[in-house]
C-alpha atoms as a PDB file:
ATOM      1  CA  UNK A   1     -17.153   9.690   3.093  1.00  0.00           C
ATOM      2  CA  UNK A   2     -13.821  10.920   2.617  1.00  0.00           C
ATOM      3  CA  UNK A   3     -12.340   9.030  -0.029  1.00  0.00           C
ATOM      4  CA  UNK A   4     -16.145   9.764  -1.764  1.00  0.00           C
ATOM      5  CA  UNK A   5     -15.989  13.097  -0.868  1.00  0.00           C
ATOM      6  CA  UNK A   6     -12.639  14.245  -0.542  1.00  0.00           C
ATOM      7  CA  UNK A   7     -11.458  15.887   2.994  1.00  0.00           C
ATOM      8  CA  UNK A   8     -12.369  19.450   2.321  1.00  0.00           C
ATOM      9  CA  UNK A   9     -16.428  18.824   1.212  1.00  0.00           C
ATOM     10  CA  UNK A  10     -16.908  15.638   3.909  1.00  0.00           C
ATOM     11  CA  UNK A  11     -18.276  18.130   6.291  1.00  0.00           C
ATOM     12  CA  UNK A  12     -18.870  16.748  10.129  1.00  0.00           C
ATOM     13  CA  UNK A  13     -22.135  17.769  10.212  1.00  0.00           C
ATOM     14  CA  UNK A  14     -22.616  15.353   6.764  1.00  0.00           C
ATOM     15  CA  UNK A  15     -20.644  12.528   8.706  1.00  0.00           C
ATOM     16  CA  UNK A  16     -22.556  12.396  11.754  1.00  0.00           C
ATOM     17  CA  UNK A  17     -25.652  12.455   9.490  1.00  0.00           C
ATOM     18  CA  UNK A  18     -23.950   8.895   7.531  1.00  0.00           C
ATOM     19  CA  UNK A  19     -23.231   7.853  10.784  1.00  0.00           C
ATOM     20  CA  UNK A  20     -25.960   8.374  12.389  1.00  0.00           C
ATOM     21  CA  UNK A  21     -24.991  10.178  15.447  1.00  0.00           C
ATOM     22  CA  UNK A  22     -24.709  13.457  16.817  1.00  0.00           C
ATOM     23  CA  UNK A  23     -21.605  16.048  15.402  1.00  0.00           C
ATOM     24  CA  UNK A  24     -21.279  16.199  19.409  1.00  0.00           C
ATOM     25  CA  UNK A  25     -20.214  13.227  19.613  1.00  0.00           C
ATOM     26  CA  UNK A  26     -18.086  12.599  16.705  1.00  0.00           C
ATOM     27  CA  UNK A  27     -16.614  15.809  18.294  1.00  0.00           C
ATOM     28  CA  UNK A  28     -16.469  13.896  21.863  1.00  0.00           C
ATOM     29  CA  UNK A  29     -14.533  11.182  20.719  1.00  0.00           C
ATOM     30  CA  UNK A  30     -12.286  12.489  17.884  1.00  0.00           C
ATOM     31  CA  UNK A  31     -11.860  16.151  18.457  1.00  0.00           C
ATOM     32  CA  UNK A  32     -11.551  17.555  15.578  1.00  0.00           C
ATOM     33  CA  UNK A  33     -11.710  16.620  11.572  1.00  0.00           C
ATOM     34  CA  UNK A  34      -8.392  16.447  10.762  1.00  0.00           C
ATOM     35  CA  UNK A  35      -8.480  13.750  13.927  1.00  0.00           C
ATOM     36  CA  UNK A  36     -11.125  11.573  12.645  1.00  0.00           C
ATOM     37  CA  UNK A  37      -9.410  11.948   9.271  1.00  0.00           C
ATOM     38  CA  UNK A  38      -5.993  10.596  10.292  1.00  0.00           C
ATOM     39  CA  UNK A  39      -8.168   7.916  12.547  1.00  0.00           C
ATOM     40  CA  UNK A  40      -9.792   6.720   9.086  1.00  0.00           C
ATOM     41  CA  UNK A  41      -6.581   6.579   7.468  1.00  0.00           C
ATOM     42  CA  UNK A  42      -4.438   4.799  10.112  1.00  0.00           C
ATOM     43  CA  UNK A  43      -7.152   2.346  10.701  1.00  0.00           C
ATOM     44  CA  UNK A  44      -7.716   2.074   6.614  1.00  0.00           C
ATOM     45  CA  UNK A  45      -3.736   1.668   6.359  1.00  0.00           C
ATOM     46  CA  UNK A  46      -3.814  -1.061   8.888  1.00  0.00           C
ATOM     47  CA  UNK A  47      -6.523  -3.098   7.473  1.00  0.00           C
ATOM     48  CA  UNK A  48      -4.012  -3.052   3.713  1.00  0.00           C
ATOM     49  CA  UNK A  49      -0.968  -3.790   5.507  1.00  0.00           C
ATOM     50  CA  UNK A  50      -2.514  -6.714   7.292  1.00  0.00           C
ATOM     51  CA  UNK A  51      -3.279  -7.928   4.040  1.00  0.00           C
ATOM     52  CA  UNK A  52      -0.124  -7.470   2.786  1.00  0.00           C
ATOM     53  CA  UNK A  53       2.212  -8.569   5.355  1.00  0.00           C
ATOM     54  CA  UNK A  54      -0.437 -12.261   5.005  1.00  0.00           C
ATOM     55  CA  UNK A  55       0.170 -12.413   1.393  1.00  0.00           C
ATOM     56  CA  UNK A  56       4.606 -11.806   1.489  1.00  0.00           C
ATOM     57  CA  UNK A  57       4.200 -14.673   3.878  1.00  0.00           C
ATOM     58  CA  UNK A  58       2.591 -17.015   2.457  1.00  0.00           C
ATOM     59  CA  UNK A  59       3.641 -16.473  -0.795  1.00  0.00           C
ATOM     60  CA  UNK A  60       7.597 -15.983   0.723  1.00  0.00           C
ATOM     61  CA  UNK A  61       8.021 -17.617   4.146  1.00  0.00           C
ATOM     62  CA  UNK A  62       8.515 -21.333   2.123  1.00  0.00           C
ATOM     63  CA  UNK A  63       9.114 -20.084  -1.978  1.00  0.00           C
ATOM     64  CA  UNK A  64       9.733 -23.490  -4.294  1.00  0.00           C
ATOM     65  CA  UNK A  65      10.576 -21.301  -7.433  1.00  0.00           C
ATOM     66  CA  UNK A  66      11.754 -17.682  -6.281  1.00  0.00           C
ATOM     67  CA  UNK A  67      10.676 -16.110  -9.429  1.00  0.00           C
ATOM     68  CA  UNK A  68       6.916 -17.225  -9.051  1.00  0.00           C
ATOM     69  CA  UNK A  69       7.533 -16.951  -5.370  1.00  0.00           C
ATOM     70  CA  UNK A  70       8.080 -12.699  -6.437  1.00  0.00           C
ATOM     71  CA  UNK A  71       5.678 -12.221  -8.493  1.00  0.00           C
ATOM     72  CA  UNK A  72       2.759 -14.277  -6.494  1.00  0.00           C
ATOM     73  CA  UNK A  73       3.861 -11.704  -3.943  1.00  0.00           C
ATOM     74  CA  UNK A  74       3.794  -8.786  -6.672  1.00  0.00           C
ATOM     75  CA  UNK A  75       0.294  -9.773  -8.141  1.00  0.00           C
ATOM     76  CA  UNK A  76      -1.189 -10.236  -4.318  1.00  0.00           C
ATOM     77  CA  UNK A  77      -0.184  -6.401  -3.541  1.00  0.00           C
ATOM     78  CA  UNK A  78      -1.508  -5.129  -6.694  1.00  0.00           C
ATOM     79  CA  UNK A  79      -5.033  -7.046  -5.844  1.00  0.00           C
ATOM     80  CA  UNK A  80      -5.157  -4.994  -2.848  1.00  0.00           C
ATOM     81  CA  UNK A  81      -6.234  -2.325  -4.767  1.00  0.00           C
ATOM     82  CA  UNK A  82      -9.664  -3.735  -5.806  1.00  0.00           C
ATOM     83  CA  UNK A  83     -10.114  -5.460  -2.794  1.00  0.00           C
ATOM     84  CA  UNK A  84      -9.560  -2.074  -0.583  1.00  0.00           C
ATOM     85  CA  UNK A  85     -10.874   0.316  -2.989  1.00  0.00           C
ATOM     86  CA  UNK A  86     -12.235   3.101  -0.241  1.00  0.00           C
ATOM     87  CA  UNK A  87      -8.513   2.933   1.109  1.00  0.00           C
ATOM     88  CA  UNK A  88      -6.254   3.921  -1.997  1.00  0.00           C
ATOM     89  CA  UNK A  89      -8.909   6.462  -3.099  1.00  0.00           C
ATOM     90  CA  UNK A  90      -8.329   7.931   0.522  1.00  0.00           C
ATOM     91  CA  UNK A  91      -4.806   7.910  -0.363  1.00  0.00           C
ATOM     92  CA  UNK A  92      -5.077   9.420  -3.836  1.00  0.00           C
ATOM     93  CA  UNK A  93      -6.531  12.021  -2.503  1.00  0.00           C
ATOM     94  CA  UNK A  94      -3.412  12.428  -0.075  1.00  0.00           C
ATOM     95  CA  UNK A  95      -1.257  12.215  -2.917  1.00  0.00           C
ATOM     96  CA  UNK A  96      -3.187  14.628  -5.207  1.00  0.00           C
ATOM     97  CA  UNK A  97      -3.365  17.371  -1.937  1.00  0.00           C
ATOM     98  CA  UNK A  98      -0.665  16.298   0.035  1.00  0.00           C
ATOM     99  CA  UNK A  99      -0.006  20.159   1.312  1.00  0.00           C
ATOM    100  CA  UNK A 100      -3.247  20.270   2.040  1.00  0.00           C
ATOM    101  CA  UNK A 101      -3.561  17.587   4.519  1.00  0.00           C
ATOM    102  CA  UNK A 102      -2.329  17.619   8.222  1.00  0.00           C
ATOM    103  CA  UNK A 103       1.328  16.264   7.882  1.00  0.00           C
ATOM    104  CA  UNK A 104       0.607  13.524  10.574  1.00  0.00           C
ATOM    105  CA  UNK A 105      -2.538  12.303   8.304  1.00  0.00           C
ATOM    106  CA  UNK A 106       0.393  11.299   5.755  1.00  0.00           C
ATOM    107  CA  UNK A 107       3.599  10.101   8.500  1.00  0.00           C
ATOM    108  CA  UNK A 108       0.491   8.228  10.232  1.00  0.00           C
ATOM    109  CA  UNK A 109      -0.581   6.743   6.327  1.00  0.00           C
ATOM    110  CA  UNK A 110       2.963   5.687   5.488  1.00  0.00           C
ATOM    111  CA  UNK A 111       4.150   4.207   8.979  1.00  0.00           C
ATOM    112  CA  UNK A 112       1.227   2.289   9.844  1.00  0.00           C
ATOM    113  CA  UNK A 113       1.218   1.011   6.104  1.00  0.00           C
ATOM    114  CA  UNK A 114       3.374   1.640   3.271  1.00  0.00           C
ATOM    115  CA  UNK A 115       6.890   1.338   5.901  1.00  0.00           C
ATOM    116  CA  UNK A 116       5.265  -1.336   7.767  1.00  0.00           C
ATOM    117  CA  UNK A 117       4.479  -3.706   4.633  1.00  0.00           C
ATOM    118  CA  UNK A 118       7.888  -3.031   3.042  1.00  0.00           C
ATOM    119  CA  UNK A 119       9.415  -3.763   5.923  1.00  0.00           C
ATOM    120  CA  UNK A 120       7.314  -7.280   6.001  1.00  0.00           C
ATOM    121  CA  UNK A 121       8.649  -7.599   2.725  1.00  0.00           C
ATOM    122  CA  UNK A 122      12.852  -6.696   3.221  1.00  0.00           C
ATOM    123  CA  UNK A 123      12.602  -9.128   6.240  1.00  0.00           C
ATOM    124  CA  UNK A 124      12.399 -12.109   3.766  1.00  0.00           C
ATOM    125  CA  UNK A 125      14.869 -10.393   1.540  1.00  0.00           C
ATOM    126  CA  UNK A 126      16.973 -10.688   4.538  1.00  0.00           C
ATOM    127  CA  UNK A 127      16.047 -14.545   4.915  1.00  0.00           C
ATOM    128  CA  UNK A 128      16.343 -14.960   1.142  1.00  0.00           C
ATOM    129  CA  UNK A 129      19.813 -13.081   0.946  1.00  0.00           C
ATOM    130  CA  UNK A 130      21.210 -15.348   4.024  1.00  0.00           C
ATOM    131  CA  UNK A 131      20.043 -18.392   2.121  1.00  0.00           C
ATOM    132  CA  UNK A 132      21.640 -17.191  -0.414  1.00  0.00           C
ATOM    133  CA  UNK A 133      18.906 -17.170  -2.696  1.00  0.00           C
ATOM    134  CA  UNK A 134      19.557 -12.628  -3.429  1.00  0.00           C
ATOM    135  CA  UNK A 135      22.020 -10.934  -3.050  1.00  0.00           C
ATOM    136  CA  UNK A 136      21.510  -7.168  -1.675  1.00  0.00           C
ATOM    137  CA  UNK A 137      23.844  -5.071   0.968  1.00  0.00           C
ATOM    138  CA  UNK A 138      20.533  -3.823   1.989  1.00  0.00           C
ATOM    139  CA  UNK A 139      17.184  -5.676   2.310  1.00  0.00           C
ATOM    140  CA  UNK A 140      14.964  -2.765   2.259  1.00  0.00           C
ATOM    141  CA  UNK A 141      16.475  -1.074  -0.448  1.00  0.00           C
ATOM    142  CA  UNK A 142      16.111  -4.510  -2.424  1.00  0.00           C
ATOM    143  CA  UNK A 143      12.467  -4.090  -1.020  1.00  0.00           C
ATOM    144  CA  UNK A 144      12.280  -0.802  -2.667  1.00  0.00           C
ATOM    145  CA  UNK A 145      13.830  -1.619  -5.484  1.00  0.00           C
ATOM    146  CA  UNK A 146      11.134  -4.219  -5.743  1.00  0.00           C
ATOM    147  CA  UNK A 147       8.247  -1.923  -5.363  1.00  0.00           C
ATOM    148  CA  UNK A 148       9.840   0.221  -7.938  1.00  0.00           C
ATOM    149  CA  UNK A 149       9.789  -2.282 -10.862  1.00  0.00           C
ATOM    150  CA  UNK A 150       6.829  -4.688 -10.270  1.00  0.00           C
ATOM    151  CA  UNK A 151       5.103  -1.470  -9.558  1.00  0.00           C
ATOM    152  CA  UNK A 152       5.852   2.007 -10.239  1.00  0.00           C
ATOM    153  CA  UNK A 153       4.605   1.780 -14.156  1.00  0.00           C
ATOM    154  CA  UNK A 154       0.578   0.783 -13.244  1.00  0.00           C
ATOM    155  CA  UNK A 155       0.767   2.956 -10.408  1.00  0.00           C
ATOM    156  CA  UNK A 156       1.777   5.753 -13.120  1.00  0.00           C
ATOM    157  CA  UNK A 157      -0.779   4.211 -15.832  1.00  0.00           C
ATOM    158  CA  UNK A 158      -2.913   3.686 -13.554  1.00  0.00           C
ATOM    159  CA  UNK A 159      -3.267   7.358 -12.692  1.00  0.00           C
ATOM    160  CA  UNK A 160      -2.770   5.631  -8.358  1.00  0.00           C
ATOM    161  CA  UNK A 161      -5.327   2.838  -9.417  1.00  0.00           C
ATOM    162  CA  UNK A 162      -8.135   5.470 -10.457  1.00  0.00           C
ATOM    163  CA  UNK A 163      -8.405   3.809 -13.633  1.00  0.00           C
ATOM    164  CA  UNK A 164      -8.370  -0.021 -13.881  1.00  0.00           C
ATOM    165  CA  UNK A 165      -5.720  -1.397 -16.336  1.00  0.00           C
ATOM    166  CA  UNK A 166      -5.983  -4.889 -18.246  1.00  0.00           C
ATOM    167  CA  UNK A 167      -5.150  -7.595 -16.139  1.00  0.00           C
ATOM    168  CA  UNK A 168      -3.207  -9.516 -18.631  1.00  0.00           C
ATOM    169  CA  UNK A 169      -1.253  -6.324 -19.384  1.00  0.00           C
ATOM    170  CA  UNK A 170      -1.001  -5.597 -15.532  1.00  0.00           C
ATOM    171  CA  UNK A 171       0.700  -9.158 -15.267  1.00  0.00           C
ATOM    172  CA  UNK A 172       2.980  -8.559 -18.190  1.00  0.00           C
ATOM    173  CA  UNK A 173       4.578  -5.312 -16.239  1.00  0.00           C
ATOM    174  CA  UNK A 174       4.273  -7.327 -12.922  1.00  0.00           C
ATOM    175  CA  UNK A 175       6.303 -10.477 -14.628  1.00  0.00           C
ATOM    176  CA  UNK A 176       9.003  -7.376 -16.488  1.00  0.00           C
ATOM    177  CA  UNK A 177       9.369  -6.029 -13.433  1.00  0.00           C
ATOM    178  CA  UNK A 178       9.993  -8.829 -11.488  1.00  0.00           C
ATOM    179  CA  UNK A 179      12.554 -10.374 -13.956  1.00  0.00           C
ATOM    180  CA  UNK A 180      14.545  -6.985 -13.535  1.00  0.00           C
ATOM    181  CA  UNK A 181      14.852  -6.908 -10.498  1.00  0.00           C
ATOM    182  CA  UNK A 182      15.932 -10.273 -10.239  1.00  0.00           C
ATOM    183  CA  UNK A 183      18.921  -9.794 -12.710  1.00  0.00           C
ATOM    184  CA  UNK A 184      20.142  -7.278 -10.120  1.00  0.00           C
ATOM    185  CA  UNK A 185      19.586  -9.066  -7.187  1.00  0.00           C
ATOM    186  CA  UNK A 186      20.046 -13.342  -7.924  1.00  0.00           C
ATOM    187  CA  UNK A 187      23.731 -13.831  -7.233  1.00  0.00           C
ATOM    188  CA  UNK A 188      26.227 -14.222 -10.263  1.00  0.00           C
END
C-alpha cells in the first residue's frame, strides 16, 4: 500500500483492512505508522540487498573476463529493478519526499540496502585489486565509481525506474559505463 498509495495516503485503517487484521493488531505490533513504514522499507531492502549480493558473487567470485563480468554484474543489478518493482516504488517515494519522511526510515533503507550491497561490491573490488586486475586506492570509492558510471544515466532517464527504457539502450549505457570505469581502474 505504501508503494501504491504513498506514505501519507496509506492510512493504518486501510492497511489493516487490506491485511485482514485489526488496527489494534498493527499498533500493538509496530506502535505507529512510522515504525511500520521503516519495517516495510527495511525488510524490502534486505531482500533486494540479498539478491544484489548473490548476483555480485555469481559474477565476480571467479571472473573469467573482467570486463564481461563487470557488465554482467551491472546487468544483474539492473534486473533487480524489475524483479522488485514495489521496493523501488518505495525508494522513489522516499527520494522524492525525503524531507517529509522520518530520518530513521531513510537511514534504515541506506544501511540495510545500498550501503550493504555496495560494501559487497567493494569487497570484490578489493580482491581484484589484490590480484592485480584492478587498481584503486580505495575499493569503496571504486564501488561508488562503478555504480555512478553504470547506473546514473539509466536512473536519471528512467526517473528512478518509474519509466522503462529500451533494454538495448540500457545495455549500451552499462557497457559504456563499464568501459569508462575500466579506463580509470585497470592497471597501467
